[in-house]
Each structure stands twice: as structure tokens, then as C-alpha cells.
Amino acid sequence: MDPTNLSCVYSTLSFIADECNRHGCTPVITFDQPLWWKARTIINNESSDSKLKRIVLHLGGFHTAMSFLGSIGHVMDSSGLRQILEKIYGENTVGHMLSGKAYAKAARAHFLVDSVLSALILSKVYNLPLSPIDNDEVNVDTDIREMHELFDKLIQSEISVDDALSRAVIDRVHGKFENERANLGNHPTGQLGRQYMDMVNVFRNLIRSERTGDWSLHLSVLAEMISYFAATGHRNYAKSVQIFIQDMVELKEKDPLICSLFEKGLFVVRRSDRFWAGLPKDLVIEQSLMRTIKSIGGLDVV
């Protein structure tokens, strides 16, 4: 059957609900946005005593991130970002990147551009040249020297991340950076650049929430994304993300056990015990399950 067919979605939900009932567990199912909306519509229209009411629907983080990358590309259309990226990537590739389809390339490209903009702001704050410099020839601010030393100690594991973040120099540099960034709002181009940096930071926090399994950060980042989805024409995601957040807030009363598991980081998939190893479930489905199904021979069913 067509996977988007409501009968197919209903049959899938019923099968999973029966299997979980047989094993005495709560079904948690991850869908991308179109199927998530259809599944939620089906469950919402079921009677209160239906077996489907126990299902917890999770909105796929990977496809949500792809849609948000498309929102960034929409905002930055005709801004010159395309021409900048075409200096590194091919013309067709850049088109896919700005639409959110070329996920990995788009993420790296946006982070690179954001780093360049941050370097430009810091160079203005501390009056530093953008070309490579020799610390002995240029009068470098004490904040920069202290940050350099702090970074070296962090890389060499002489101090912890928490210890590094607690240093006063971090707050000083961040304060000066934000003050200078606020001045960008005095010009239309500066406002666009500032908004771009804000959107990239939201995307960065979304990745951070999933890689680290931070449930509260995940929900707060999704809430920030709603206005961007609505403003860039991604209305289906704007509507679905808002309802998903409401469902997850109510989950604490509906199913405290599943909610506690999500808060422990079990809303993502981990292939190792490393801290930065969480992956969205729909990404794992695409990388592992769908790749196996589409390969020669398909799945080996025993």
C-alpha cells in the first residue's frame, strides 16, 4: 500500500499497538511530519478506550532540521549567500543546500559562514587584523591572550569544560561580542546578518539537544523554530511542531514513565556510550533501515 494512505497508517498503528500490548510496553513511534500528522489525526479521532490511545507519537528531528535549513535558505534568498557558497560548492549543490535537502553540506556551510561573521565582529571589537598575525608584533588584548591560553588548556585536558565556562573572561568576551552584534541592527543588511546568525544558533542548539540527549533543550529549541517556520511558509511544520510540544508537555501526566525516559535522553538513538553520540530516530531509519531495504536482497527476514 501507499505509505501515505490512511488505511496503511491505521494498519501500522494497530499492528504496533497489538505487539506492544503483547509485550506489556508503551508504543513510541517516530514519523516525519506528513505521516506524523496523519497518525495523530487517526489517534485523535479514536474513542477513549481505543488501543491506539496509548501510542506516543514522536516528530522526527532529522526531517524537522531539514525543513528549518530550508527556512534559513528562504530568509537568505537574494542576500548574496548563494554566491558565497558557490565559491566552494557547485551551483546545483548549493540549491539543494539552501532547500535543506543536502543536510550535511548545508550544516557545515552555515557553520562556516557563521564563524566568519563572528570573526568579523570580534576583529572589530578587539581591533584585530583578519590576516594571520604574530602575537609578538601585534598588541593583542589581554582577553584574547587569556582565551587563547584557556583554549590550549581545554584541548590538552588540563581543565574541564565546566571550569572553562566559569571563567570571567568568557563572560567579558561574550558581552562585548553581543554589544557589537546589537549595533548591526542599525542597518538593514546588519539586521539580516544578525537574524541569520540567530537562526544558525537555533539550528546548532537543535543538533546539540539531539547529540547530547537534552530533552528540555530539544523542546525549547523547537518552540523557537515555530515563528521561523510560519514566517518562511513552512506552515505544516509550524503547526505540527506546536502541537507536538503541547503533546509532550501533557505526556508527563499521560505517561510519566515515557516522559522520564525522554528526560534521561532516550528520545534519541545511541550507537555508543559517548556523550556526543545521540542521533534522531528518523535519521537512523534513513541511514540503516531504509538503506538495507533499498539495497540488493533487501531485509533478511528469519
Protein backbone atom coordinates (compact mmCIF):
# COMPACT_ATOMS: atom_id res chain seq x y z
CA MET A 1 0.00 0.00 0.00
CA ASP A 2 0.96 3.63 -0.40
CA PRO A 3 2.57 4.57 2.94
CA THR A 4 0.69 7.87 2.92
CA ASN A 5 -2.66 6.09 2.64
CA LEU A 6 -4.71 6.48 5.83
CA SER A 7 -5.62 2.79 5.81
CA CYS A 8 -1.94 1.88 5.68
CA VAL A 9 -1.12 4.24 8.56
CA TYR A 10 -4.04 2.88 10.60
CA SER A 11 -2.99 -0.74 9.97
CA THR A 12 0.58 0.09 11.02
CA LEU A 13 -0.56 1.78 14.23
CA SER A 14 -2.85 -1.15 15.05
CA PHE A 15 -0.13 -3.74 14.45
CA ILE A 16 2.39 -1.88 16.63
CA ALA A 17 -0.21 -1.34 19.38
CA ASP A 18 -1.03 -5.08 19.39
CA GLU A 19 2.65 -6.07 19.56
CA CYS A 20 3.38 -3.63 22.40
CA ASN A 21 0.31 -4.82 24.28
CA ARG A 22 1.56 -8.40 23.92
CA HIS A 23 4.94 -7.40 25.36
CA GLY A 24 3.46 -5.12 28.04
CA CYS A 25 5.11 -1.89 26.91
CA THR A 26 4.06 1.53 25.62
CA PRO A 27 4.46 2.07 21.86
CA VAL A 28 6.56 5.09 20.84
CA ILE A 29 6.54 5.73 17.08
CA THR A 30 8.58 8.28 15.14
CA PHE A 31 7.25 9.76 11.89
CA ASP A 32 8.29 12.60 9.62
CA GLN A 33 5.80 15.48 9.51
CA PRO A 34 3.25 14.31 6.85
CA LEU A 35 2.85 10.83 8.36
CA TRP A 36 3.03 12.20 11.92
CA TRP A 37 0.07 14.47 11.18
CA LYS A 38 -1.98 11.64 9.66
CA ALA A 39 -1.17 9.28 12.54
CA ARG A 40 -2.11 11.92 15.10
CA THR A 41 -5.37 12.63 13.28
CA ILE A 42 -6.24 8.93 13.37
CA ILE A 43 -5.40 8.58 17.07
CA ASN A 44 -7.20 11.79 17.97
CA ASN A 45 -10.40 10.54 16.32
CA GLU A 46 -10.33 7.20 18.13
CA SER A 47 -12.58 6.51 21.14
CA SER A 48 -11.11 6.97 24.62
CA ASP A 49 -10.88 3.20 25.19
CA SER A 50 -9.09 2.51 21.88
CA LYS A 51 -5.78 0.66 21.99
CA LEU A 52 -4.29 3.38 19.79
CA LYS A 53 -4.68 5.98 22.55
CA ARG A 54 -1.64 4.53 24.33
CA ILE A 55 0.64 5.32 21.39
CA VAL A 56 3.16 8.13 21.90
CA LEU A 57 3.94 9.87 18.60
CA HIS A 58 7.35 11.47 18.16
CA LEU A 59 8.02 14.05 15.45
CA GLY A 60 11.23 13.19 13.59
CA GLY A 61 14.02 15.60 14.48
CA PHE A 62 16.05 14.98 11.32
CA HIS A 63 13.29 16.00 8.92
CA THR A 64 12.41 18.94 11.18
CA ALA A 65 16.03 20.10 10.94
CA MET A 66 15.93 19.75 7.14
CA SER A 67 12.82 21.91 7.00
CA PHE A 68 14.50 24.53 9.22
CA LEU A 69 17.52 24.59 6.91
CA GLY A 70 15.03 25.35 4.14
CA SER A 71 13.73 28.24 6.25
CA ILE A 72 17.25 29.63 6.57
CA GLY A 73 17.70 29.37 2.80
CA HIS A 74 14.37 31.16 2.25
CA VAL A 75 15.32 34.05 4.56
CA MET A 76 18.75 34.43 2.95
CA ASP A 77 17.48 34.26 -0.63
CA SER A 78 18.93 37.11 -2.74
CA SER A 79 21.24 38.08 0.16
CA GLY A 80 24.44 37.00 -1.58
CA LEU A 81 24.78 33.83 0.49
CA ARG A 82 24.23 31.68 -2.60
CA GLN A 83 27.07 33.41 -4.44
CA ILE A 84 29.37 32.95 -1.45
CA LEU A 85 28.63 29.23 -1.18
CA GLU A 86 29.08 28.78 -4.94
CA LYS A 87 32.74 29.73 -4.42
CA ILE A 88 33.10 26.41 -2.58
CA TYR A 89 30.29 24.16 -3.78
CA GLY A 90 28.74 23.53 -7.18
CA GLU A 91 25.73 25.56 -8.31
CA ASN A 92 23.30 22.64 -8.18
CA THR A 93 24.64 21.52 -4.81
CA VAL A 94 24.09 24.98 -3.33
CA GLY A 95 20.47 24.86 -4.48
CA HIS A 96 19.96 21.60 -2.58
CA MET A 97 21.80 23.02 0.45
CA LEU A 98 19.61 26.11 0.69
CA SER A 99 16.46 24.00 0.35
CA GLY A 100 17.63 21.77 3.22
CA LYS A 101 17.99 18.60 1.13
CA ALA A 102 21.79 18.37 1.26
CA TYR A 103 21.74 18.24 5.07
CA ALA A 104 25.40 17.59 5.94
CA LYS A 105 26.82 20.07 3.41
CA ALA A 106 24.28 22.73 4.43
CA ALA A 107 25.07 22.36 8.13
CA ARG A 108 28.81 22.69 7.55
CA ALA A 109 28.38 25.63 5.18
CA HIS A 110 26.15 27.60 7.58
CA PHE A 111 28.53 26.97 10.46
CA LEU A 112 31.46 28.20 8.36
CA VAL A 113 29.66 31.39 7.33
CA ASP A 114 28.54 31.98 10.91
CA SER A 115 32.16 31.56 12.09
CA VAL A 116 33.34 34.12 9.53
CA LEU A 117 30.70 36.64 10.64
CA SER A 118 31.69 36.07 14.27
CA ALA A 119 35.36 36.60 13.39
CA LEU A 120 34.49 39.87 11.64
CA ILE A 121 32.63 41.11 14.71
CA LEU A 122 35.40 40.10 17.12
CA SER A 123 38.04 41.68 14.88
CA LYS A 124 36.15 44.96 15.13
CA VAL A 125 35.67 44.66 18.90
CA TYR A 126 39.36 43.99 19.61
CA ASN A 127 40.81 45.85 16.60
CA LEU A 128 42.47 42.75 15.20
CA PRO A 129 43.53 42.18 11.57
CA LEU A 130 41.81 39.30 9.81
CA SER A 131 45.07 38.05 8.29
CA PRO A 132 47.37 35.71 10.29
CA ILE A 133 49.19 37.65 12.97
CA ASP A 134 52.24 37.22 15.16
CA ASN A 135 51.40 37.88 18.80
CA ASP A 136 54.82 39.47 19.26
CA GLU A 137 54.19 42.04 16.53
CA VAL A 138 50.59 43.00 17.30
CA ASN A 139 49.27 44.43 20.53
CA VAL A 140 46.74 41.69 21.36
CA ASP A 141 44.12 42.41 24.02
CA THR A 142 44.53 40.56 27.31
CA ASP A 143 41.11 38.95 26.79
CA ILE A 144 42.34 37.34 23.56
CA ARG A 145 45.54 36.10 25.18
CA GLU A 146 43.60 34.68 28.12
CA MET A 147 41.11 33.00 25.78
CA HIS A 148 43.99 31.50 23.79
CA GLU A 149 45.58 30.09 26.93
CA LEU A 150 42.22 28.80 28.14
CA PHE A 151 41.61 27.06 24.83
CA ASP A 152 45.04 25.39 24.94
CA LYS A 153 44.38 24.08 28.44
CA LEU A 154 40.97 22.78 27.37
CA ILE A 155 42.41 20.97 24.35
CA GLN A 156 45.14 19.42 26.48
CA SER A 157 42.51 18.32 29.07
CA GLU A 158 44.16 20.36 31.81
CA ILE A 159 40.76 21.83 32.75
CA SER A 160 37.16 20.68 32.29
CA VAL A 161 34.57 22.29 30.06
CA ASP A 162 32.55 23.46 33.08
CA ASP A 163 35.67 25.02 34.59
CA ALA A 164 36.45 26.82 31.32
CA LEU A 165 32.91 28.18 31.01
CA SER A 166 33.02 29.51 34.57
CA ARG A 167 35.99 31.82 33.83
CA ALA A 168 35.23 35.54 33.88
CA VAL A 169 36.92 36.08 30.51
CA ILE A 170 34.17 34.09 28.79
CA ASP A 171 31.52 36.49 30.08
CA ARG A 172 33.60 39.54 29.15
CA VAL A 173 34.21 38.42 25.58
CA HIS A 174 30.60 37.30 25.14
CA GLY A 175 29.30 40.62 26.48
CA LYS A 176 31.47 42.67 24.11
CA PHE A 177 30.54 40.41 21.22
CA GLU A 178 26.79 40.76 21.86
CA ASN A 179 27.06 44.54 22.30
CA GLU A 180 28.77 44.87 18.93
CA ARG A 181 26.32 42.44 17.32
CA ALA A 182 23.43 44.53 18.65
CA ASN A 183 24.81 47.51 16.71
CA LEU A 184 24.24 45.58 13.49
CA GLY A 185 20.54 46.31 13.92
CA ASN A 186 21.14 49.91 12.89
CA HIS A 187 21.36 48.89 9.23
CA PRO A 188 19.05 46.64 7.13
CA THR A 189 21.94 44.44 5.96
CA GLY A 190 23.19 44.20 9.52
CA GLN A 191 19.73 43.18 10.69
CA LEU A 192 19.66 40.38 8.12
CA GLY A 193 23.11 39.20 9.16
CA ARG A 194 22.12 39.22 12.81
CA GLN A 195 18.93 37.26 12.08
CA TYR A 196 20.96 34.76 10.06
CA MET A 197 23.32 34.21 12.99
CA ASP A 198 20.35 33.75 15.31
CA MET A 199 18.85 31.11 13.02
CA VAL A 200 22.15 29.26 12.72
CA ASN A 201 22.43 29.30 16.51
CA VAL A 202 18.93 27.78 16.79
CA PHE A 203 19.96 25.06 14.34
CA ARG A 204 23.17 24.48 16.31
CA ASN A 205 21.21 24.08 19.55
CA LEU A 206 18.86 21.62 17.85
CA ILE A 207 21.84 19.44 16.91
CA ARG A 208 23.26 19.84 20.41
CA SER A 209 19.99 18.77 22.04
CA GLU A 210 19.86 15.59 19.96
CA ARG A 211 23.54 14.67 20.15
CA THR A 212 23.55 15.08 23.93
CA GLY A 213 20.00 13.79 24.55
CA ASP A 214 18.90 17.01 26.28
CA TRP A 215 15.08 16.77 26.25
CA SER A 216 14.32 20.17 27.80
CA LEU A 217 16.68 21.93 25.37
CA HIS A 218 15.10 20.00 22.50
CA LEU A 219 11.61 21.24 23.32
CA SER A 220 12.75 24.83 23.89
CA VAL A 221 14.59 24.89 20.56
CA LEU A 222 11.55 23.52 18.74
CA ALA A 223 9.49 26.31 20.31
CA GLU A 224 11.95 28.89 18.92
CA MET A 225 11.65 27.38 15.45
CA ILE A 226 7.87 27.80 15.19
CA SER A 227 7.96 31.52 14.32
CA TYR A 228 10.61 30.94 11.65
CA PHE A 229 8.57 28.12 10.11
CA ALA A 230 5.49 30.34 9.99
CA ALA A 231 7.36 33.33 8.53
CA THR A 232 9.02 31.31 5.75
CA GLY A 233 5.92 29.45 4.56
CA HIS A 234 6.63 26.12 6.29
CA ARG A 235 3.17 26.20 7.84
CA ASN A 236 2.78 22.44 8.14
CA TYR A 237 5.86 22.23 10.35
CA ALA A 238 4.84 25.34 12.28
CA LYS A 239 1.50 23.73 13.12
CA SER A 240 2.89 20.25 13.76
CA VAL A 241 5.77 21.39 15.98
CA GLN A 242 3.44 23.48 18.13
CA ILE A 243 1.03 20.57 18.64
CA PHE A 244 3.91 18.15 19.23
CA ILE A 245 5.25 20.37 22.02
CA GLN A 246 1.78 20.52 23.59
CA ASP A 247 1.53 16.71 23.42
CA MET A 248 4.94 16.31 25.06
CA VAL A 249 4.03 18.73 27.86
CA GLU A 250 0.88 16.69 28.53
CA LEU A 251 2.92 13.47 28.39
CA LYS A 252 4.07 13.97 31.98
CA GLU A 253 0.50 13.30 33.13
CA LYS A 254 -0.49 10.88 30.36
CA ASP A 255 2.55 8.58 30.63
CA PRO A 256 5.07 9.59 33.34
CA LEU A 257 7.33 6.61 32.57
CA ILE A 258 7.86 7.51 28.91
CA CYS A 259 8.31 11.16 29.87
CA SER A 260 11.01 10.24 32.40
CA LEU A 261 12.78 8.12 29.75
CA PHE A 262 12.76 11.05 27.34
CA GLU A 263 14.19 13.29 30.05
CA LYS A 264 17.00 10.75 30.52
CA GLY A 265 17.91 11.17 26.85
CA LEU A 266 16.15 8.12 25.41
CA PHE A 267 14.29 10.12 22.76
CA VAL A 268 17.35 9.65 20.51
CA VAL A 269 19.28 6.58 19.33
CA ARG A 270 22.80 5.90 20.57
CA ARG A 271 25.25 3.56 18.88
CA SER A 272 27.86 4.12 21.59
CA ASP A 273 28.10 5.45 25.16
CA ARG A 274 29.95 8.61 24.17
CA PHE A 275 28.49 11.89 25.34
CA TRP A 276 28.13 13.36 21.82
CA ALA A 277 26.60 10.28 20.16
CA GLY A 278 22.82 10.79 20.07
CA LEU A 279 21.09 10.58 16.69
CA PRO A 280 17.49 11.40 15.70
CA LYS A 281 15.46 8.25 15.21
CA ASP A 282 14.28 9.21 11.73
CA LEU A 283 17.91 9.77 10.71
CA VAL A 284 18.82 6.27 11.88
CA ILE A 285 15.81 4.91 9.98
CA GLU A 286 17.07 6.61 6.82
CA GLN A 287 20.71 5.55 7.29
CA SER A 288 20.17 1.98 8.44
CA LEU A 289 16.71 0.54 7.86
CA MET A 290 15.82 2.25 4.57
CA ARG A 291 19.32 1.71 3.18
CA THR A 292 19.04 -2.01 3.93
CA ILE A 293 15.57 -2.27 2.40
CA LYS A 294 16.64 -0.49 -0.79
CA SER A 295 19.86 -2.50 -1.19
CA ILE A 296 20.12 -5.66 -3.29
CA GLY A 297 18.41 -8.51 -1.46
CA GLY A 298 16.58 -6.22 0.98
CA LEU A 299 15.98 -7.25 4.58
CA ASP A 300 16.75 -10.81 5.62
CA VAL A 301 13.63 -11.91 7.45
CA VAL A 302 14.10 -15.02 9.58
